[in-house]
Each structure stands twice: as structure tokens, then as C-alpha cells.
Amino acid sequence: MDKTCRNCGAPLRPDDKFCSACGTEVDASLDLTDDSQSAGRSNLFRESVIFFLLAAASALIADFVEVQLAIRASWDIESRSALYLVYASLATGIFVILRILWWRIFGSAGSSFFGRRLAIQVFCLILGVTILFFGPIMAALYDWSQPQGPIWFEFDLLAALLSTLFFVGYLALQRRQGD
């Protein structure tokens, strides 16, 4: 019977002492039942919701910090590419900090902070922000929204949602390869 990690749902080999995806210590006395498939689906939902909440919080905080920095430093607002780069950097850094705090508070004692899973999450966040700001989505948002443009937090939530879709796609692909 295949075992999965109780923290992230990644497939485990019989001789694994730690999960290769998240670093959680494997409890050898844990015997899984036939409900492991439904547990994997609920873990997928749980992980995607947690990722969305952390991505949205980091995007909202990064936007607020970026605006405060721009006001205090009297930045040239016409340079959108530079502002997007600052925003993406801030959002990524804040996401890593929030994710580490989440693992520290709610994760198990043996969980790893800097693993492949965190790198994938950061990549998905950067990909979502990049596609949102440098793709055709930005122009479409301005066309479909109010005359003065969309509200600032709509961009942040859309960036988090787009990033979450990429992360869920990764998780689904990982689960499919594990089956």
C-alpha cells in the first residue's frame, strides 16, 4: 500500500524517513487506510487555500509597502516596469516570510522551510505576477473596469488567484504522477 506524507500528501517510498517534498518526518507506525485518495484530495484543497491566502496577503502587503515607498522616495510613477519589479520582489519576499511563519506555527516540528515545495510556490507566485502585469490581462482589466481603472486590490487578488492556479496545476500533476 502506497504511503503519502501526512503534511503535504506527497507520495513516500517505504524506506523514507522524511518527506522529500516538505521535509516532514515520516511516522513509521502510521498505517494508511483506503481513504488515502480522499485525504490526498482534501490535502490538495487545503494546500491550495493556504497558498491563496498567503499569496493574497503577501500581494496586498507588498502593494501597500510599494505605495508607501513610492510616496516617501518621490518615485517617478511613469516607470511602471520598475514599480512592477519592486512589487514582485516585495511580494515574493513577504510570501516567503509568511510561509515560514505558517510552517512554524501550524506545521510539524520536523518540517523543512526551504525545500522544493517552497521553491515551486515562489516560482508560481512570480509566474502569476509576471503574467498579470506583463501580459494582455492588464490591458483587458482596464478595458473592462470602471473609467478610472480597476481598484488596486483587484490586481493583488487576481495575481494571487493566478499564482494559485499554477500551484494547483503543479499539485495535480504531482498527484497524477504519484498514482
C-alpha atoms as a PDB file:
ATOM      1  CA  MET A   1       0.000   0.000   0.000  1.00  0.00           C
ATOM      2  CA  ASP A   2       1.417   3.382  -1.009  1.00  0.00           C
ATOM      3  CA  LYS A   3       2.019   5.886   1.764  1.00  0.00           C
ATOM      4  CA  THR A   4       1.660   9.640   1.494  1.00  0.00           C
ATOM      5  CA  CYS A   5       3.015  12.426   3.652  1.00  0.00           C
ATOM      6  CA  ARG A   6       0.554  13.453   6.351  1.00  0.00           C
ATOM      7  CA  ASN A   7       1.595  17.102   5.970  1.00  0.00           C
ATOM      8  CA  CYS A   8       1.601  17.697   2.207  1.00  0.00           C
ATOM      9  CA  GLY A   9       0.213  14.473   0.682  1.00  0.00           C
ATOM     10  CA  ALA A  10       3.312  13.765  -1.435  1.00  0.00           C
ATOM     11  CA  PRO A  11       3.985  10.084  -2.208  1.00  0.00           C
ATOM     12  CA  LEU A  12       6.514   8.366   0.053  1.00  0.00           C
ATOM     13  CA  ARG A  13       8.760   5.384  -0.519  1.00  0.00           C
ATOM     14  CA  PRO A  14       8.697   2.599   2.102  1.00  0.00           C
ATOM     15  CA  ASP A  15      12.205   3.462   3.356  1.00  0.00           C
ATOM     16  CA  ASP A  16      11.716   7.252   3.612  1.00  0.00           C
ATOM     17  CA  LYS A  17      12.421   8.825   6.991  1.00  0.00           C
ATOM     18  CA  PHE A  18      11.469  12.327   5.825  1.00  0.00           C
ATOM     19  CA  CYS A  19       9.152  13.612   3.096  1.00  0.00           C
ATOM     20  CA  SER A  20      11.172  14.674   0.053  1.00  0.00           C
ATOM     21  CA  ALA A  21       8.676  17.456  -0.762  1.00  0.00           C
ATOM     22  CA  CYS A  22       8.207  19.235   2.570  1.00  0.00           C
ATOM     23  CA  GLY A  23      10.701  17.614   4.966  1.00  0.00           C
ATOM     24  CA  THR A  24       8.131  16.347   7.457  1.00  0.00           C
ATOM     25  CA  GLU A  25       9.329  13.378   9.481  1.00  0.00           C
ATOM     26  CA  VAL A  26       7.590  10.156   8.421  1.00  0.00           C
ATOM     27  CA  ASP A  27       5.901   8.285  11.244  1.00  0.00           C
ATOM     28  CA  ALA A  28       6.659   4.611  10.576  1.00  0.00           C
ATOM     29  CA  SER A  29       3.800   3.447  12.773  1.00  0.00           C
ATOM     30  CA  LEU A  30       1.242   5.211  10.594  1.00  0.00           C
ATOM     31  CA  ASP A  31      -0.760   2.753   8.511  1.00  0.00           C
ATOM     32  CA  LEU A  32      -2.903   4.322   5.848  1.00  0.00           C
ATOM     33  CA  THR A  33      -6.394   3.136   5.032  1.00  0.00           C
ATOM     34  CA  ASP A  34      -8.201   3.118   1.712  1.00  0.00           C
ATOM     35  CA  ASP A  35      -9.228   6.697   2.410  1.00  0.00           C
ATOM     36  CA  SER A  36      -5.777   7.930   1.352  1.00  0.00           C
ATOM     37  CA  GLN A  37      -7.161   9.038  -2.043  1.00  0.00           C
ATOM     38  CA  SER A  38      -9.807  11.275  -0.435  1.00  0.00           C
ATOM     39  CA  ALA A  39      -7.213  12.540   2.045  1.00  0.00           C
ATOM     40  CA  GLY A  40      -4.990  13.469  -0.906  1.00  0.00           C
ATOM     41  CA  ARG A  41      -7.829  15.431  -2.485  1.00  0.00           C
ATOM     42  CA  SER A  42      -8.582  17.260   0.753  1.00  0.00           C
ATOM     43  CA  ASN A  43      -4.852  17.994   1.151  1.00  0.00           C
ATOM     44  CA  LEU A  44      -4.864  19.430  -2.385  1.00  0.00           C
ATOM     45  CA  PHE A  45      -7.759  21.714  -1.458  1.00  0.00           C
ATOM     46  CA  ARG A  46      -6.171  22.614   1.892  1.00  0.00           C
ATOM     47  CA  GLU A  47      -2.790  23.404   0.323  1.00  0.00           C
ATOM     48  CA  SER A  48      -4.330  25.480  -2.438  1.00  0.00           C
ATOM     49  CA  VAL A  49      -6.426  27.509   0.028  1.00  0.00           C
ATOM     50  CA  ILE A  50      -3.402  28.104   2.264  1.00  0.00           C
ATOM     51  CA  PHE A  51      -1.316  29.103  -0.759  1.00  0.00           C
ATOM     52  CA  PHE A  52      -4.016  31.515  -1.967  1.00  0.00           C
ATOM     53  CA  LEU A  53      -4.377  33.126   1.468  1.00  0.00           C
ATOM     54  CA  LEU A  54      -0.629  33.586   1.852  1.00  0.00           C
ATOM     55  CA  ALA A  55      -0.218  34.801  -1.749  1.00  0.00           C
ATOM     56  CA  ALA A  56      -3.101  37.273  -1.374  1.00  0.00           C
ATOM     57  CA  ALA A  57      -1.774  38.557   1.953  1.00  0.00           C
ATOM     58  CA  SER A  58       1.730  38.961   0.547  1.00  0.00           C
ATOM     59  CA  ALA A  59       0.419  40.728  -2.569  1.00  0.00           C
ATOM     60  CA  LEU A  60      -1.718  43.129  -0.521  1.00  0.00           C
ATOM     61  CA  ILE A  61       1.127  43.884   1.902  1.00  0.00           C
ATOM     62  CA  ALA A  62       3.609  44.318  -0.967  1.00  0.00           C
ATOM     63  CA  ASP A  63       1.275  46.742  -2.724  1.00  0.00           C
ATOM     64  CA  PHE A  64       0.857  48.800   0.440  1.00  0.00           C
ATOM     65  CA  VAL A  65       4.615  48.857   1.094  1.00  0.00           C
ATOM     66  CA  GLU A  66       5.345  49.724  -2.547  1.00  0.00           C
ATOM     67  CA  VAL A  67       2.970  52.690  -2.454  1.00  0.00           C
ATOM     68  CA  GLN A  68       4.479  53.918   0.815  1.00  0.00           C
ATOM     69  CA  LEU A  69       7.997  53.606  -0.617  1.00  0.00           C
ATOM     70  CA  ALA A  70       6.950  55.436  -3.786  1.00  0.00           C
ATOM     71  CA  ILE A  71       5.398  58.275  -1.793  1.00  0.00           C
ATOM     72  CA  ARG A  72       8.340  58.675   0.580  1.00  0.00           C
ATOM     73  CA  ALA A  73      11.009  58.382  -2.114  1.00  0.00           C
ATOM     74  CA  SER A  74       9.114  60.502  -4.675  1.00  0.00           C
ATOM     75  CA  TRP A  75       9.492  57.830  -7.338  1.00  0.00           C
ATOM     76  CA  ASP A  76       8.681  58.528 -10.929  1.00  0.00           C
ATOM     77  CA  ILE A  77       5.328  56.727 -11.240  1.00  0.00           C
ATOM     78  CA  GLU A  78       5.682  56.697 -15.045  1.00  0.00           C
ATOM     79  CA  SER A  79       8.240  53.890 -14.792  1.00  0.00           C
ATOM     80  CA  ARG A  80       5.736  51.053 -14.453  1.00  0.00           C
ATOM     81  CA  SER A  81       8.223  48.263 -15.170  1.00  0.00           C
ATOM     82  CA  ALA A  82      10.389  49.329 -12.240  1.00  0.00           C
ATOM     83  CA  LEU A  83       7.370  49.532  -9.955  1.00  0.00           C
ATOM     84  CA  TYR A  84       6.225  46.066 -11.062  1.00  0.00           C
ATOM     85  CA  LEU A  85       9.690  44.698 -10.352  1.00  0.00           C
ATOM     86  CA  VAL A  86       9.697  46.251  -6.876  1.00  0.00           C
ATOM     87  CA  TYR A  87       6.182  44.899  -6.285  1.00  0.00           C
ATOM     88  CA  ALA A  88       7.129  41.379  -7.436  1.00  0.00           C
ATOM     89  CA  SER A  89      10.261  41.392  -5.270  1.00  0.00           C
ATOM     90  CA  LEU A  90       8.350  42.604  -2.225  1.00  0.00           C
ATOM     91  CA  ALA A  91       5.525  40.117  -2.768  1.00  0.00           C
ATOM     92  CA  THR A  92       7.980  37.234  -3.106  1.00  0.00           C
ATOM     93  CA  GLY A  93       9.933  38.172   0.000  1.00  0.00           C
ATOM     94  CA  ILE A  94       6.798  38.705   2.054  1.00  0.00           C
ATOM     95  CA  PHE A  95       5.376  35.394   0.782  1.00  0.00           C
ATOM     96  CA  VAL A  96       8.493  33.510   1.921  1.00  0.00           C
ATOM     97  CA  ILE A  97       8.308  35.139   5.352  1.00  0.00           C
ATOM     98  CA  LEU A  98       4.578  34.375   5.700  1.00  0.00           C
ATOM     99  CA  ARG A  99       5.113  30.785   4.542  1.00  0.00           C
ATOM    100  CA  ILE A 100       7.896  30.246   7.082  1.00  0.00           C
ATOM    101  CA  LEU A 101       5.686  31.695   9.817  1.00  0.00           C
ATOM    102  CA  TRP A 102       2.831  29.429   8.710  1.00  0.00           C
ATOM    103  CA  TRP A 103       5.071  26.356   8.885  1.00  0.00           C
ATOM    104  CA  ARG A 104       6.456  27.459  12.244  1.00  0.00           C
ATOM    105  CA  ILE A 105       3.014  27.981  13.757  1.00  0.00           C
ATOM    106  CA  PHE A 106       0.925  25.250  12.109  1.00  0.00           C
ATOM    107  CA  GLY A 107       3.475  22.801  10.663  1.00  0.00           C
ATOM    108  CA  SER A 108       5.068  19.863  12.408  1.00  0.00           C
ATOM    109  CA  ALA A 109       8.334  20.248  14.276  1.00  0.00           C
ATOM    110  CA  GLY A 110      10.339  18.375  11.645  1.00  0.00           C
ATOM    111  CA  SER A 111       9.091  20.321   8.643  1.00  0.00           C
ATOM    112  CA  SER A 112      11.596  21.969   6.343  1.00  0.00           C
ATOM    113  CA  PHE A 113      11.275  25.633   5.408  1.00  0.00           C
ATOM    114  CA  PHE A 114      13.495  25.706   2.347  1.00  0.00           C
ATOM    115  CA  GLY A 115      12.643  22.789   0.156  1.00  0.00           C
ATOM    116  CA  ARG A 116      11.455  22.039  -3.312  1.00  0.00           C
ATOM    117  CA  ARG A 117       7.856  22.841  -2.335  1.00  0.00           C
ATOM    118  CA  LEU A 118       8.725  26.391  -1.266  1.00  0.00           C
ATOM    119  CA  ALA A 119      10.733  26.919  -4.448  1.00  0.00           C
ATOM    120  CA  ILE A 120       7.746  25.756  -6.533  1.00  0.00           C
ATOM    121  CA  GLN A 121       5.430  28.080  -4.600  1.00  0.00           C
ATOM    122  CA  VAL A 122       7.736  31.054  -5.130  1.00  0.00           C
ATOM    123  CA  PHE A 123       8.023  30.197  -8.835  1.00  0.00           C
ATOM    124  CA  CYS A 124       4.212  30.005  -9.149  1.00  0.00           C
ATOM    125  CA  LEU A 125       3.840  33.365  -7.384  1.00  0.00           C
ATOM    126  CA  ILE A 126       6.410  35.041  -9.642  1.00  0.00           C
ATOM    127  CA  LEU A 127       4.856  33.452 -12.733  1.00  0.00           C
ATOM    128  CA  GLY A 128       1.363  34.653 -11.750  1.00  0.00           C
ATOM    129  CA  VAL A 129       2.542  38.209 -11.053  1.00  0.00           C
ATOM    130  CA  THR A 130       4.603  38.320 -14.254  1.00  0.00           C
ATOM    131  CA  ILE A 131       1.766  37.113 -16.455  1.00  0.00           C
ATOM    132  CA  LEU A 132      -0.675  39.502 -14.801  1.00  0.00           C
ATOM    133  CA  PHE A 133       1.427  42.628 -15.126  1.00  0.00           C
ATOM    134  CA  PHE A 134       3.322  41.964 -18.340  1.00  0.00           C
ATOM    135  CA  GLY A 135       0.691  40.008 -20.259  1.00  0.00           C
ATOM    136  CA  PRO A 136      -2.508  41.024 -22.011  1.00  0.00           C
ATOM    137  CA  ILE A 137      -4.518  40.650 -18.783  1.00  0.00           C
ATOM    138  CA  MET A 138      -3.547  44.146 -17.601  1.00  0.00           C
ATOM    139  CA  ALA A 139      -4.951  45.875 -20.688  1.00  0.00           C
ATOM    140  CA  ALA A 140      -8.115  43.758 -20.552  1.00  0.00           C
ATOM    141  CA  LEU A 141      -8.671  44.741 -16.907  1.00  0.00           C
ATOM    142  CA  TYR A 142      -8.510  48.416 -17.781  1.00  0.00           C
ATOM    143  CA  ASP A 143     -10.895  47.893 -20.701  1.00  0.00           C
ATOM    144  CA  TRP A 144     -13.493  46.017 -18.626  1.00  0.00           C
ATOM    145  CA  SER A 145     -13.355  48.090 -15.450  1.00  0.00           C
ATOM    146  CA  GLN A 146     -14.547  51.498 -14.393  1.00  0.00           C
ATOM    147  CA  PRO A 147     -13.426  54.554 -16.400  1.00  0.00           C
ATOM    148  CA  GLN A 148     -10.697  55.391 -13.887  1.00  0.00           C
ATOM    149  CA  GLY A 149      -9.380  51.801 -13.894  1.00  0.00           C
ATOM    150  CA  PRO A 150      -9.631  48.845 -11.548  1.00  0.00           C
ATOM    151  CA  ILE A 151      -9.240  49.200  -7.816  1.00  0.00           C
ATOM    152  CA  TRP A 152      -5.678  48.425  -6.643  1.00  0.00           C
ATOM    153  CA  PHE A 153      -6.567  45.356  -4.582  1.00  0.00           C
ATOM    154  CA  GLU A 154      -8.243  43.722  -7.591  1.00  0.00           C
ATOM    155  CA  PHE A 155      -4.768  43.323  -9.113  1.00  0.00           C
ATOM    156  CA  ASP A 156      -3.406  41.810  -5.919  1.00  0.00           C
ATOM    157  CA  LEU A 157      -6.206  39.271  -5.600  1.00  0.00           C
ATOM    158  CA  LEU A 158      -6.037  38.412  -9.278  1.00  0.00           C
ATOM    159  CA  ALA A 159      -2.260  37.883  -9.005  1.00  0.00           C
ATOM    160  CA  ALA A 160      -2.830  35.575  -6.026  1.00  0.00           C
ATOM    161  CA  LEU A 161      -5.565  33.674  -7.867  1.00  0.00           C
ATOM    162  CA  LEU A 162      -3.454  33.257 -10.993  1.00  0.00           C
ATOM    163  CA  SER A 163      -0.499  32.070  -8.897  1.00  0.00           C
ATOM    164  CA  THR A 164      -2.762  29.637  -7.057  1.00  0.00           C
ATOM    165  CA  LEU A 165      -3.979  28.177 -10.348  1.00  0.00           C
ATOM    166  CA  PHE A 166      -0.381  27.467 -11.338  1.00  0.00           C
ATOM    167  CA  PHE A 167       0.324  25.888  -7.939  1.00  0.00           C
ATOM    168  CA  VAL A 168      -2.815  23.721  -8.089  1.00  0.00           C
ATOM    169  CA  GLY A 169      -1.765  22.596 -11.559  1.00  0.00           C
ATOM    170  CA  TYR A 170       1.609  21.585 -10.160  1.00  0.00           C
ATOM    171  CA  LEU A 171      -0.013  19.722  -7.250  1.00  0.00           C
ATOM    172  CA  ALA A 172      -2.435  17.922  -9.561  1.00  0.00           C
ATOM    173  CA  LEU A 173       0.411  16.897 -11.846  1.00  0.00           C
ATOM    174  CA  GLN A 174       2.415  15.675  -8.870  1.00  0.00           C
ATOM    175  CA  ARG A 175      -0.541  13.643  -7.557  1.00  0.00           C
ATOM    176  CA  ARG A 176      -1.152  12.170 -11.008  1.00  0.00           C
ATOM    177  CA  GLN A 177       2.469  11.092 -11.338  1.00  0.00           C
ATOM    178  CA  GLY A 178       2.290   9.549  -7.848  1.00  0.00           C
ATOM    179  CA  ASP A 179      -0.742   7.374  -8.732  1.00  0.00           C
END
